[in-house]
Amino acid sequence: MKPNFDAMSRAELRAYVLEHRDDEDAFYAYTNKMTSEPALAHGTQEDARDPVRFAEIFTRVQQLKQNLSNQSD
C-alpha cells in the first residue's frame, strides 16, 4: 500500500522519491507539489550579503508566509 502523497510535506515527499526512485506515482506527486506550491524565496549569496537586498527578500518571504496562512484559514 502506497503512502498518502498529498499529506506529505515537500521535504517528506522528496525523501520518499529519493528512496523509491522507481515509484512513478511518487515522482509525479512530487512534481505536482513543486509546481502547485510556491517557493518562499529566490536569491543568491550576493543577495544575502547585501543588507538592502536581504531585507527586501526577507519582507517578501514574510508576506508570502502571511498570504499562505490566510489562505489556509
Protein backbone atom coordinates (compact mmCIF):
# COMPACT_ATOMS: atom_id res chain seq x y z
CA MET A 1 0.00 0.00 0.00
CA LYS A 2 1.37 3.41 -1.01
CA PRO A 3 1.55 6.33 1.38
CA ASN A 4 -0.71 9.35 1.01
CA PHE A 5 1.50 11.62 -1.08
CA ASP A 6 -0.93 14.56 -0.73
CA ALA A 7 -0.48 14.51 3.04
CA MET A 8 3.32 14.58 2.83
CA SER A 9 5.31 17.77 3.05
CA ARG A 10 7.56 18.73 0.18
CA ALA A 11 10.61 17.51 2.13
CA GLU A 12 8.96 14.20 3.10
CA LEU A 13 7.87 13.53 -0.45
CA ARG A 14 11.32 14.37 -1.80
CA ALA A 15 12.91 11.94 0.66
CA TYR A 16 10.40 9.26 -0.35
CA VAL A 17 11.12 9.79 -4.05
CA LEU A 18 14.85 9.54 -3.43
CA GLU A 19 14.36 6.26 -1.56
CA HIS A 20 11.86 4.86 -4.11
CA ARG A 21 13.26 6.03 -7.45
CA ASP A 22 11.13 3.58 -9.45
CA ASP A 23 7.83 4.84 -8.00
CA GLU A 24 6.39 6.92 -10.81
CA ASP A 25 3.31 7.90 -8.80
CA ALA A 26 5.54 9.40 -6.12
CA PHE A 27 7.60 11.22 -8.72
CA TYR A 28 4.53 12.75 -10.35
CA ALA A 29 3.07 13.67 -6.96
CA TYR A 30 6.35 15.42 -6.12
CA THR A 31 6.49 17.35 -9.39
CA ASN A 32 2.83 18.35 -8.97
CA LYS A 33 3.55 19.59 -5.46
CA MET A 34 6.57 21.54 -6.67
CA THR A 35 4.54 23.34 -9.32
CA SER A 36 1.44 23.93 -7.21
CA GLU A 37 3.10 25.24 -4.05
CA PRO A 38 5.06 28.48 -4.34
CA ALA A 39 8.65 28.65 -3.25
CA LEU A 40 9.16 31.16 -0.49
CA ALA A 41 12.27 32.91 -1.76
CA HIS A 42 14.73 33.16 -4.57
CA GLY A 43 18.12 34.69 -4.08
CA THR A 44 21.84 34.32 -4.31
CA GLN A 45 24.68 34.52 -1.85
CA GLU A 46 25.30 38.06 -3.08
CA ASP A 47 21.72 38.95 -2.10
CA ALA A 48 22.41 37.61 1.39
CA ARG A 49 25.49 39.80 1.70
CA ASP A 50 23.65 42.97 0.61
CA PRO A 51 21.66 44.24 3.63
CA VAL A 52 19.12 46.12 1.50
CA ARG A 53 18.51 43.20 -0.85
CA PHE A 54 18.36 40.78 2.08
CA ALA A 55 15.74 42.95 3.78
CA GLU A 56 13.67 43.00 0.58
CA ILE A 57 13.79 39.21 0.27
CA PHE A 58 13.01 38.76 3.96
CA THR A 59 9.98 41.06 3.67
CA ARG A 60 8.76 39.16 0.60
CA VAL A 61 9.10 35.83 2.41
CA GLN A 62 7.15 37.15 5.39
CA GLN A 63 4.39 38.41 3.07
CA LEU A 64 4.20 35.06 1.27
CA LYS A 65 4.01 33.21 4.57
CA GLN A 66 1.22 35.51 5.73
CA ASN A 67 -0.67 35.02 2.46
CA LEU A 68 -0.35 31.25 2.74
CA SER A 69 -1.51 31.39 6.33
CA ASN A 70 -4.54 33.49 5.36
CA GLN A 71 -5.43 31.07 2.57
CA SER A 72 -5.47 28.09 4.93
CA ASP A 73 -7.74 29.83 7.48
